[in-house]
């Protein structure tokens, strides 16, 4: 969600610093935002060294569990669909921001 919000805010002409300030002061603040911050500020993916392929694999495990439990997983399905649509699954998760920017 934060990757998508960042790509959308850039398209809207909102500065990264304004986005980070607003997200950081509200519900968007937290560990994930802080791990994405180096990429948002400096295109540096080193703050979140986890690849799209690893995230996709873990989401697969989650899907298996939710199938067995019979519980809702709509958000996880949306994220899984996004990650599986990325051509270079060796990209770091923060790089999803740049990938989404190119799509818009």
PDB file of N, CA and C in Angstrom:
ATOM      1  N   UNK A   1       0.822  -1.184   0.000  1.00  0.00           N
ATOM      2  CA  UNK A   1       0.000   0.000   0.000  1.00  0.00           C
ATOM      3  C   UNK A   1       0.872   1.255   0.000  1.00  0.00           C
ATOM      4  N   UNK A   2       1.936   1.242   0.791  1.00  0.00           N
ATOM      5  CA  UNK A   2       2.816   2.410   0.849  1.00  0.00           C
ATOM      6  C   UNK A   2       3.557   2.627  -0.469  1.00  0.00           C
ATOM      7  N   UNK A   3       3.924   1.559  -1.148  1.00  0.00           N
ATOM      8  CA  UNK A   3       4.574   1.692  -2.453  1.00  0.00           C
ATOM      9  C   UNK A   3       3.617   2.333  -3.446  1.00  0.00           C
ATOM     10  N   UNK A   4       2.389   1.868  -3.450  1.00  0.00           N
ATOM     11  CA  UNK A   4       1.378   2.417  -4.349  1.00  0.00           C
ATOM     12  C   UNK A   4       1.091   3.882  -4.012  1.00  0.00           C
ATOM     13  N   UNK A   5       0.981   4.195  -2.748  1.00  0.00           N
ATOM     14  CA  UNK A   5       0.721   5.573  -2.324  1.00  0.00           C
ATOM     15  C   UNK A   5       1.862   6.504  -2.729  1.00  0.00           C
ATOM     16  N   UNK A   6       3.092   6.010  -2.626  1.00  0.00           N
ATOM     17  CA  UNK A   6       4.248   6.817  -3.015  1.00  0.00           C
ATOM     18  C   UNK A   6       4.239   7.093  -4.517  1.00  0.00           C
ATOM     19  N   UNK A   7       3.994   6.058  -5.313  1.00  0.00           N
ATOM     20  CA  UNK A   7       3.941   6.240  -6.768  1.00  0.00           C
ATOM     21  C   UNK A   7       2.821   7.208  -7.146  1.00  0.00           C
ATOM     22  N   UNK A   8       1.669   7.084  -6.510  1.00  0.00           N
ATOM     23  CA  UNK A   8       0.536   7.965  -6.802  1.00  0.00           C
ATOM     24  C   UNK A   8       0.828   9.407  -6.386  1.00  0.00           C
ATOM     25  N   UNK A   9       1.445   9.576  -5.225  1.00  0.00           N
ATOM     26  CA  UNK A   9       1.728  10.934  -4.754  1.00  0.00           C
ATOM     27  C   UNK A   9       2.733  11.629  -5.666  1.00  0.00           C
ATOM     28  N   UNK A  10       3.700  10.882  -6.166  1.00  0.00           N
ATOM     29  CA  UNK A  10       4.669  11.468  -7.093  1.00  0.00           C
ATOM     30  C   UNK A  10       3.980  11.903  -8.374  1.00  0.00           C
ATOM     31  N   UNK A  11       3.058  11.083  -8.869  1.00  0.00           N
ATOM     32  CA  UNK A  11       2.319  11.446 -10.079  1.00  0.00           C
ATOM     33  C   UNK A  11       1.480  12.698  -9.831  1.00  0.00           C
ATOM     34  N   UNK A  12       0.991  12.851  -8.609  1.00  0.00           N
ATOM     35  CA  UNK A  12       0.184  14.017  -8.250  1.00  0.00           C
ATOM     36  C   UNK A  12       1.033  15.258  -8.000  1.00  0.00           C
ATOM     37  N   UNK A  13       2.347  15.104  -8.022  1.00  0.00           N
ATOM     38  CA  UNK A  13       3.233  16.239  -7.796  1.00  0.00           C
ATOM     39  C   UNK A  13       3.483  16.550  -6.332  1.00  0.00           C
ATOM     40  N   UNK A  14       3.153  15.630  -5.461  1.00  0.00           N
ATOM     41  CA  UNK A  14       3.385  15.817  -4.026  1.00  0.00           C
ATOM     42  C   UNK A  14       4.837  15.462  -3.735  1.00  0.00           C
ATOM     43  N   UNK A  15       5.508  16.307  -3.002  1.00  0.00           N
ATOM     44  CA  UNK A  15       6.913  16.040  -2.697  1.00  0.00           C
ATOM     45  C   UNK A  15       7.038  14.834  -1.774  1.00  0.00           C
ATOM     46  N   UNK A  16       8.151  14.133  -1.927  1.00  0.00           N
ATOM     47  CA  UNK A  16       8.404  12.979  -1.063  1.00  0.00           C
ATOM     48  C   UNK A  16       8.458  13.396   0.399  1.00  0.00           C
ATOM     49  N   UNK A  17       9.027  14.558   0.674  1.00  0.00           N
ATOM     50  CA  UNK A  17       9.122  14.992   2.069  1.00  0.00           C
ATOM     51  C   UNK A  17       7.735  15.239   2.663  1.00  0.00           C
ATOM     52  N   UNK A  18       6.812  15.820   1.875  1.00  0.00           N
ATOM     53  CA  UNK A  18       5.449  16.041   2.372  1.00  0.00           C
ATOM     54  C   UNK A  18       4.750  14.704   2.601  1.00  0.00           C
ATOM     55  N   UNK A  19       4.926  13.779   1.672  1.00  0.00           N
ATOM     56  CA  UNK A  19       4.316  12.456   1.823  1.00  0.00           C
ATOM     57  C   UNK A  19       4.828  11.768   3.090  1.00  0.00           C
ATOM     58  N   UNK A  20       6.143  11.769   3.272  1.00  0.00           N
ATOM     59  CA  UNK A  20       6.731  11.125   4.449  1.00  0.00           C
ATOM     60  C   UNK A  20       6.268  11.781   5.738  1.00  0.00           C
ATOM     61  N   UNK A  21       6.124  13.085   5.729  1.00  0.00           N
ATOM     62  CA  UNK A  21       5.662  13.798   6.925  1.00  0.00           C
ATOM     63  C   UNK A  21       4.231  13.408   7.272  1.00  0.00           C
ATOM     64  N   UNK A  22       3.353  13.391   6.265  1.00  0.00           N
ATOM     65  CA  UNK A  22       1.950  13.063   6.507  1.00  0.00           C
ATOM     66  C   UNK A  22       1.800  11.605   6.940  1.00  0.00           C
ATOM     67  N   UNK A  23       2.441  10.698   6.200  1.00  0.00           N
ATOM     68  CA  UNK A  23       2.344   9.277   6.557  1.00  0.00           C
ATOM     69  C   UNK A  23       2.942   9.001   7.932  1.00  0.00           C
ATOM     70  N   UNK A  24       4.080   9.614   8.210  1.00  0.00           N
ATOM     71  CA  UNK A  24       4.761   9.403   9.485  1.00  0.00           C
ATOM     72  C   UNK A  24       3.967   9.893  10.672  1.00  0.00           C
ATOM     73  N   UNK A  25       3.129  10.904  10.465  1.00  0.00           N
ATOM     74  CA  UNK A  25       2.345  11.462  11.562  1.00  0.00           C
ATOM     75  C   UNK A  25       1.031  10.717  11.781  1.00  0.00           C
ATOM     76  N   UNK A  26       0.693   9.824  10.865  1.00  0.00           N
ATOM     77  CA  UNK A  26      -0.582   9.127  10.975  1.00  0.00           C
ATOM     78  C   UNK A  26      -0.416   7.626  10.995  1.00  0.00           C
ATOM     79  N   UNK A  27      -1.458   6.963  10.549  1.00  0.00           N
ATOM     80  CA  UNK A  27      -1.496   5.503  10.566  1.00  0.00           C
ATOM     81  C   UNK A  27      -0.498   4.841   9.639  1.00  0.00           C
ATOM     82  N   UNK A  28       0.036   5.584   8.678  1.00  0.00           N
ATOM     83  CA  UNK A  28       1.018   5.025   7.756  1.00  0.00           C
ATOM     84  C   UNK A  28       2.406   4.937   8.350  1.00  0.00           C
ATOM     85  N   UNK A  29       2.609   5.586   9.483  1.00  0.00           N
ATOM     86  CA  UNK A  29       3.918   5.560  10.130  1.00  0.00           C
ATOM     87  C   UNK A  29       4.203   4.194  10.722  1.00  0.00           C
ATOM     88  N   UNK A  30       5.471   3.832  10.779  1.00  0.00           N
ATOM     89  CA  UNK A  30       5.829   2.565  11.393  1.00  0.00           C
ATOM     90  C   UNK A  30       7.049   1.952  10.742  1.00  0.00           C
ATOM     91  N   UNK A  31       7.285   0.707  11.056  1.00  0.00           N
ATOM     92  CA  UNK A  31       8.485   0.004  10.611  1.00  0.00           C
ATOM     93  C   UNK A  31       8.573  -0.056   9.092  1.00  0.00           C
ATOM     94  N   UNK A  32       7.487  -0.382   8.419  1.00  0.00           N
ATOM     95  CA  UNK A  32       7.542  -0.525   6.961  1.00  0.00           C
ATOM     96  C   UNK A  32       7.882   0.816   6.309  1.00  0.00           C
ATOM     97  N   UNK A  33       7.257   1.885   6.737  1.00  0.00           N
ATOM     98  CA  UNK A  33       7.574   3.197   6.173  1.00  0.00           C
ATOM     99  C   UNK A  33       9.044   3.528   6.403  1.00  0.00           C
ATOM    100  N   UNK A  34       9.549   3.240   7.575  1.00  0.00           N
ATOM    101  CA  UNK A  34      10.954   3.550   7.856  1.00  0.00           C
ATOM    102  C   UNK A  34      11.900   2.702   7.016  1.00  0.00           C
ATOM    103  N   UNK A  35      11.498   1.497   6.684  1.00  0.00           N
ATOM    104  CA  UNK A  35      12.331   0.665   5.809  1.00  0.00           C
ATOM    105  C   UNK A  35      12.263   1.129   4.362  1.00  0.00           C
ATOM    106  N   UNK A  36      11.139   1.720   3.979  1.00  0.00           N
ATOM    107  CA  UNK A  36      10.993   2.250   2.623  1.00  0.00           C
ATOM    108  C   UNK A  36      11.603   3.646   2.474  1.00  0.00           C
ATOM    109  N   UNK A  37      11.742   4.357   3.572  1.00  0.00           N
ATOM    110  CA  UNK A  37      12.214   5.748   3.540  1.00  0.00           C
ATOM    111  C   UNK A  37      13.500   5.940   2.729  1.00  0.00           C
ATOM    112  N   UNK A  38      14.546   5.121   2.898  1.00  0.00           N
ATOM    113  CA  UNK A  38      15.765   5.341   2.111  1.00  0.00           C
ATOM    114  C   UNK A  38      15.522   5.267   0.605  1.00  0.00           C
ATOM    115  N   UNK A  39      14.607   4.417   0.199  1.00  0.00           N
ATOM    116  CA  UNK A  39      14.300   4.340  -1.232  1.00  0.00           C
ATOM    117  C   UNK A  39      13.509   5.566  -1.675  1.00  0.00           C
ATOM    118  N   UNK A  40      12.544   5.970  -0.866  1.00  0.00           N
ATOM    119  CA  UNK A  40      11.729   7.130  -1.217  1.00  0.00           C
ATOM    120  C   UNK A  40      12.595   8.381  -1.314  1.00  0.00           C
ATOM    121  N   UNK A  41      13.522   8.541  -0.386  1.00  0.00           N
ATOM    122  CA  UNK A  41      14.363   9.741  -0.343  1.00  0.00           C
ATOM    123  C   UNK A  41      15.516   9.684  -1.346  1.00  0.00           C
ATOM    124  N   UNK A  42      16.191   8.527  -1.447  1.00  0.00           N
ATOM    125  CA  UNK A  42      17.436   8.452  -2.226  1.00  0.00           C
ATOM    126  C   UNK A  42      17.498   7.301  -3.236  1.00  0.00           C
ATOM    127  N   UNK A  43      16.359   6.671  -3.525  1.00  0.00           N
ATOM    128  CA  UNK A  43      16.349   5.493  -4.403  1.00  0.00           C
ATOM    129  C   UNK A  43      17.308   4.410  -3.909  1.00  0.00           C
ATOM    130  N   UNK A  44      17.427   4.283  -2.605  1.00  0.00           N
ATOM    131  CA  UNK A  44      18.326   3.323  -1.981  1.00  0.00           C
ATOM    132  C   UNK A  44      17.501   2.174  -1.394  1.00  0.00           C
ATOM    133  N   UNK A  45      17.510   0.987  -2.033  1.00  0.00           N
ATOM    134  CA  UNK A  45      16.693  -0.122  -1.542  1.00  0.00           C
ATOM    135  C   UNK A  45      17.295  -0.883  -0.361  1.00  0.00           C
ATOM    136  N   UNK A  46      18.439  -0.453   0.142  1.00  0.00           N
ATOM    137  CA  UNK A  46      19.140  -1.216   1.182  1.00  0.00           C
ATOM    138  C   UNK A  46      18.412  -1.236   2.529  1.00  0.00           C
ATOM    139  N   UNK A  47      17.441  -0.377   2.727  1.00  0.00           N
ATOM    140  CA  UNK A  47      16.717  -0.355   3.993  1.00  0.00           C
ATOM    141  C   UNK A  47      15.757  -1.517   4.161  1.00  0.00           C
ATOM    142  N   UNK A  48      15.500  -2.230   3.062  1.00  0.00           N
ATOM    143  CA  UNK A  48      14.518  -3.315   3.097  1.00  0.00           C
ATOM    144  C   UNK A  48      15.018  -4.392   2.148  1.00  0.00           C
ATOM    145  N   UNK A  49      15.963  -5.179   2.617  1.00  0.00           N
ATOM    146  CA  UNK A  49      16.630  -6.179   1.774  1.00  0.00           C
ATOM    147  C   UNK A  49      15.821  -7.470   1.723  1.00  0.00           C
ATOM    148  N   UNK A  50      14.705  -7.389   1.039  1.00  0.00           N
ATOM    149  CA  UNK A  50      13.818  -8.535   0.881  1.00  0.00           C
ATOM    150  C   UNK A  50      13.297  -8.467  -0.539  1.00  0.00           C
ATOM    151  N   UNK A  51      13.475  -9.538  -1.288  1.00  0.00           N
ATOM    152  CA  UNK A  51      13.110  -9.493  -2.700  1.00  0.00           C
ATOM    153  C   UNK A  51      11.628  -9.773  -2.919  1.00  0.00           C
ATOM    154  N   UNK A  52      11.169  -9.342  -4.084  1.00  0.00           N
ATOM    155  CA  UNK A  52       9.789  -9.612  -4.478  1.00  0.00           C
ATOM    156  C   UNK A  52       9.548 -11.117  -4.524  1.00  0.00           C
ATOM    157  N   UNK A  53      10.514 -11.887  -5.005  1.00  0.00           N
ATOM    158  CA  UNK A  53      10.330 -13.349  -5.065  1.00  0.00           C
ATOM    159  C   UNK A  53      10.182 -13.941  -3.661  1.00  0.00           C
ATOM    160  N   UNK A  54      10.943 -13.447  -2.686  1.00  0.00           N
ATOM    161  CA  UNK A  54      10.787 -13.933  -1.307  1.00  0.00           C
ATOM    162  C   UNK A  54       9.423 -13.559  -0.734  1.00  0.00           C
ATOM    163  N   UNK A  55       8.997 -12.337  -1.015  1.00  0.00           N
ATOM    164  CA  UNK A  55       7.682 -11.898  -0.529  1.00  0.00           C
ATOM    165  C   UNK A  55       6.573 -12.729  -1.173  1.00  0.00           C
ATOM    166  N   UNK A  56       6.715 -13.015  -2.461  1.00  0.00           N
ATOM    167  CA  UNK A  56       5.720 -13.819  -3.162  1.00  0.00           C
ATOM    168  C   UNK A  56       5.660 -15.229  -2.572  1.00  0.00           C
ATOM    169  N   UNK A  57       6.825 -15.795  -2.286  1.00  0.00           N
ATOM    170  CA  UNK A  57       6.887 -17.134  -1.673  1.00  0.00           C
ATOM    171  C   UNK A  57       6.177 -17.124  -0.325  1.00  0.00           C
ATOM    172  N   UNK A  58       6.457 -16.122   0.500  1.00  0.00           N
ATOM    173  CA  UNK A  58       5.831 -16.054   1.819  1.00  0.00           C
ATOM    174  C   UNK A  58       4.317 -15.854   1.717  1.00  0.00           C
ATOM    175  N   UNK A  59       3.893 -15.059   0.740  1.00  0.00           N
ATOM    176  CA  UNK A  59       2.452 -14.892   0.534  1.00  0.00           C
ATOM    177  C   UNK A  59       1.808 -16.215   0.114  1.00  0.00           C
ATOM    178  N   UNK A  60       2.547 -17.024  -0.621  1.00  0.00           N
ATOM    179  CA  UNK A  60       2.053 -18.353  -0.976  1.00  0.00           C
ATOM    180  C   UNK A  60       1.805 -19.204   0.256  1.00  0.00           C
ATOM    181  N   UNK A  61       2.722 -19.153   1.209  1.00  0.00           N
ATOM    182  CA  UNK A  61       2.532 -19.876   2.468  1.00  0.00           C
ATOM    183  C   UNK A  61       1.278 -19.374   3.192  1.00  0.00           C
ATOM    184  N   UNK A  62       1.111 -18.063   3.180  1.00  0.00           N
ATOM    185  CA  UNK A  62      -0.060 -17.464   3.831  1.00  0.00           C
ATOM    186  C   UNK A  62      -1.345 -17.929   3.147  1.00  0.00           C
ATOM    187  N   UNK A  63      -1.329 -17.974   1.825  1.00  0.00           N
ATOM    188  CA  UNK A  63      -2.504 -18.446   1.082  1.00  0.00           C
ATOM    189  C   UNK A  63      -2.844 -19.888   1.456  1.00  0.00           C
ATOM    190  N   UNK A  64      -1.840 -20.724   1.574  1.00  0.00           N
ATOM    191  CA  UNK A  64      -2.072 -22.110   1.969  1.00  0.00           C
ATOM    192  C   UNK A  64      -2.743 -22.169   3.331  1.00  0.00           C
ATOM    193  N   UNK A  65      -2.237 -21.373   4.271  1.00  0.00           N
ATOM    194  CA  UNK A  65      -2.807 -21.359   5.613  1.00  0.00           C
ATOM    195  C   UNK A  65      -4.253 -20.854   5.592  1.00  0.00           C
ATOM    196  N   UNK A  66      -4.512 -19.770   4.859  1.00  0.00           N
ATOM    197  CA  UNK A  66      -5.875 -19.221   4.839  1.00  0.00           C
ATOM    198  C   UNK A  66      -6.841 -20.165   4.137  1.00  0.00           C
ATOM    199  N   UNK A  67      -6.351 -20.904   3.133  1.00  0.00           N
ATOM    200  CA  UNK A  67      -7.204 -21.923   2.506  1.00  0.00           C
ATOM    201  C   UNK A  67      -7.610 -22.975   3.518  1.00  0.00           C
ATOM    202  N   UNK A  68      -6.648 -23.431   4.300  1.00  0.00           N
ATOM    203  CA  UNK A  68      -6.927 -24.459   5.299  1.00  0.00           C
ATOM    204  C   UNK A  68      -7.877 -23.959   6.383  1.00  0.00           C
ATOM    205  N   UNK A  69      -7.751 -22.683   6.740  1.00  0.00           N
ATOM    206  CA  UNK A  69      -8.592 -22.106   7.792  1.00  0.00           C
ATOM    207  C   UNK A  69      -9.938 -21.605   7.275  1.00  0.00           C
ATOM    208  N   UNK A  70     -10.023 -21.368   5.962  1.00  0.00           N
ATOM    209  CA  UNK A  70     -11.254 -20.841   5.388  1.00  0.00           C
ATOM    210  C   UNK A  70     -11.533 -19.404   5.797  1.00  0.00           C
ATOM    211  N   UNK A  71     -10.461 -18.591   5.897  1.00  0.00           N
ATOM    212  CA  UNK A  71     -10.626 -17.190   6.304  1.00  0.00           C
ATOM    213  C   UNK A  71     -10.349 -16.244   5.131  1.00  0.00           C
ATOM    214  N   UNK A  72     -10.763 -15.019   5.286  1.00  0.00           N
ATOM    215  CA  UNK A  72     -10.605 -13.976   4.266  1.00  0.00           C
ATOM    216  C   UNK A  72      -9.140 -13.652   4.042  1.00  0.00           C
ATOM    217  N   UNK A  73      -8.795 -13.340   2.772  1.00  0.00           N
ATOM    218  CA  UNK A  73      -7.424 -12.960   2.454  1.00  0.00           C
ATOM    219  C   UNK A  73      -7.368 -12.021   1.251  1.00  0.00           C
ATOM    220  N   UNK A  74      -8.380 -11.186   1.106  1.00  0.00           N
ATOM    221  CA  UNK A  74      -8.478 -10.303  -0.052  1.00  0.00           C
ATOM    222  C   UNK A  74      -7.290  -9.377  -0.222  1.00  0.00           C
ATOM    223  N   UNK A  75      -6.809  -8.796   0.847  1.00  0.00           N
ATOM    224  CA  UNK A  75      -5.674  -7.882   0.756  1.00  0.00           C
ATOM    225  C   UNK A  75      -4.426  -8.651   0.338  1.00  0.00           C
ATOM    226  N   UNK A  76      -4.206  -9.796   0.941  1.00  0.00           N
ATOM    227  CA  UNK A  76      -3.040 -10.618   0.588  1.00  0.00           C
ATOM    228  C   UNK A  76      -3.109 -11.053  -0.869  1.00  0.00           C
ATOM    229  N   UNK A  77      -4.303 -11.349  -1.375  1.00  0.00           N
ATOM    230  CA  UNK A  77      -4.445 -11.725  -2.785  1.00  0.00           C
ATOM    231  C   UNK A  77      -4.068 -10.570  -3.700  1.00  0.00           C
ATOM    232  N   UNK A  78      -4.455  -9.356  -3.322  1.00  0.00           N
ATOM    233  CA  UNK A  78      -4.117  -8.190  -4.132  1.00  0.00           C
ATOM    234  C   UNK A  78      -2.613  -7.961  -4.166  1.00  0.00           C
ATOM    235  N   UNK A  79      -1.964  -8.090  -3.029  1.00  0.00           N
ATOM    236  CA  UNK A  79      -0.512  -7.919  -2.968  1.00  0.00           C
ATOM    237  C   UNK A  79       0.176  -9.030  -3.756  1.00  0.00           C
ATOM    238  N   UNK A  80      -0.303 -10.245  -3.612  1.00  0.00           N
ATOM    239  CA  UNK A  80       0.262 -11.377  -4.348  1.00  0.00           C
ATOM    240  C   UNK A  80       0.133 -11.153  -5.851  1.00  0.00           C
ATOM    241  N   UNK A  81      -1.019 -10.673  -6.299  1.00  0.00           N
ATOM    242  CA  UNK A  81      -1.223 -10.390  -7.725  1.00  0.00           C
ATOM    243  C   UNK A  81      -0.251  -9.315  -8.209  1.00  0.00           C
ATOM    244  N   UNK A  82      -0.049  -8.290  -7.402  1.00  0.00           N
ATOM    245  CA  UNK A  82       0.901  -7.244  -7.768  1.00  0.00           C
ATOM    246  C   UNK A  82       2.308  -7.822  -7.886  1.00  0.00           C
ATOM    247  N   UNK A  83       2.738  -8.542  -6.871  1.00  0.00           N
ATOM    248  CA  UNK A  83       4.100  -9.078  -6.877  1.00  0.00           C
ATOM    249  C   UNK A  83       4.323 -10.066  -8.018  1.00  0.00           C
ATOM    250  N   UNK A  84       3.334 -10.893  -8.330  1.00  0.00           N
ATOM    251  CA  UNK A  84       3.516 -11.846  -9.425  1.00  0.00           C
ATOM    252  C   UNK A  84       3.483 -11.163 -10.784  1.00  0.00           C
ATOM    253  N   UNK A  85       2.987  -9.934 -10.857  1.00  0.00           N
ATOM    254  CA  UNK A  85       2.972  -9.200 -12.126  1.00  0.00           C
ATOM    255  C   UNK A  85       4.301  -8.496 -12.412  1.00  0.00           C
ATOM    256  N   UNK A  86       5.219  -8.525 -11.454  1.00  0.00           N
ATOM    257  CA  UNK A  86       6.505  -7.850 -11.611  1.00  0.00           C
ATOM    258  C   UNK A  86       7.464  -8.765 -12.354  1.00  0.00           C
ATOM    259  N   UNK A  87       7.990  -8.252 -13.459  1.00  0.00           N
ATOM    260  CA  UNK A  87       8.862  -9.062 -14.319  1.00  0.00           C
ATOM    261  C   UNK A  87      10.148  -9.489 -13.625  1.00  0.00           C
ATOM    262  N   UNK A  88      10.774  -8.586 -12.896  1.00  0.00           N
ATOM    263  CA  UNK A  88      12.053  -8.894 -12.251  1.00  0.00           C
ATOM    264  C   UNK A  88      11.808  -9.191 -10.774  1.00  0.00           C
ATOM    265  N   UNK A  89      11.581 -10.460 -10.460  1.00  0.00           N
ATOM    266  CA  UNK A  89      11.263 -10.822  -9.081  1.00  0.00           C
ATOM    267  C   UNK A  89      12.466 -10.738  -8.156  1.00  0.00           C
ATOM    268  N   UNK A  90      13.656 -10.446  -8.725  1.00  0.00           N
ATOM    269  CA  UNK A  90      14.827 -10.261  -7.872  1.00  0.00           C
ATOM    270  C   UNK A  90      14.916  -8.828  -7.351  1.00  0.00           C
ATOM    271  N   UNK A  91      13.978  -7.977  -7.773  1.00  0.00           N
ATOM    272  CA  UNK A  91      13.928  -6.605  -7.263  1.00  0.00           C
ATOM    273  C   UNK A  91      13.674  -6.627  -5.765  1.00  0.00           C
ATOM    274  N   UNK A  92      14.259  -5.666  -5.073  1.00  0.00           N
ATOM    275  CA  UNK A  92      13.969  -5.514  -3.649  1.00  0.00           C
ATOM    276  C   UNK A  92      12.575  -4.910  -3.501  1.00  0.00           C
ATOM    277  N   UNK A  93      11.905  -5.236  -2.422  1.00  0.00           N
ATOM    278  CA  UNK A  93      10.540  -4.749  -2.200  1.00  0.00           C
ATOM    279  C   UNK A  93      10.434  -3.222  -2.356  1.00  0.00           C
ATOM    280  N   UNK A  94      11.373  -2.414  -1.852  1.00  0.00           N
ATOM    281  CA  UNK A  94      11.235  -0.967  -2.048  1.00  0.00           C
ATOM    282  C   UNK A  94      11.209  -0.559  -3.524  1.00  0.00           C
ATOM    283  N   UNK A  95      11.842  -1.344  -4.373  1.00  0.00           N
ATOM    284  CA  UNK A  95      11.880  -1.009  -5.793  1.00  0.00           C
ATOM    285  C   UNK A  95      10.521  -1.147  -6.466  1.00  0.00           C
ATOM    286  N   UNK A  96       9.549  -1.731  -5.770  1.00  0.00           N
ATOM    287  CA  UNK A  96       8.183  -1.792  -6.288  1.00  0.00           C
ATOM    288  C   UNK A  96       7.665  -0.371  -6.536  1.00  0.00           C
ATOM    289  N   UNK A  97       8.122   0.584  -5.733  1.00  0.00           N
ATOM    290  CA  UNK A  97       7.718   1.979  -5.925  1.00  0.00           C
ATOM    291  C   UNK A  97       8.084   2.437  -7.336  1.00  0.00           C
ATOM    292  N   UNK A  98       9.325   2.243  -7.725  1.00  0.00           N
ATOM    293  CA  UNK A  98       9.771   2.644  -9.057  1.00  0.00           C
ATOM    294  C   UNK A  98       9.059   1.878 -10.154  1.00  0.00           C
ATOM    295  N   UNK A  99       8.806   0.612  -9.923  1.00  0.00           N
ATOM    296  CA  UNK A  99       8.085  -0.205 -10.911  1.00  0.00           C
ATOM    297  C   UNK A  99       6.677   0.347 -11.108  1.00  0.00           C
ATOM    298  N   UNK A 100       6.006   0.689 -10.035  1.00  0.00           N
ATOM    299  CA  UNK A 100       4.660   1.247 -10.138  1.00  0.00           C
ATOM    300  C   UNK A 100       4.678   2.612 -10.806  1.00  0.00           C
ATOM    301  N   UNK A 101       5.705   3.404 -10.532  1.00  0.00           N
ATOM    302  CA  UNK A 101       5.817   4.710 -11.184  1.00  0.00           C
ATOM    303  C   UNK A 101       5.884   4.568 -12.706  1.00  0.00           C
ATOM    304  N   UNK A 102       6.613   3.579 -13.173  1.00  0.00           N
ATOM    305  CA  UNK A 102       6.761   3.375 -14.617  1.00  0.00           C
ATOM    306  C   UNK A 102       5.459   2.891 -15.251  1.00  0.00           C
ATOM    307  N   UNK A 103       4.622   2.268 -14.483  1.00  0.00           N
ATOM    308  CA  UNK A 103       3.345   1.754 -14.990  1.00  0.00           C
ATOM    309  C   UNK A 103       2.294   2.848 -15.128  1.00  0.00           C
ATOM    310  N   UNK A 104       2.419   3.885 -14.357  1.00  0.00           N
ATOM    311  CA  UNK A 104       1.391   4.913 -14.364  1.00  0.00           C
ATOM    312  C   UNK A 104       1.615   5.955 -15.414  1.00  0.00           C
TER     313      UNK A 104
END
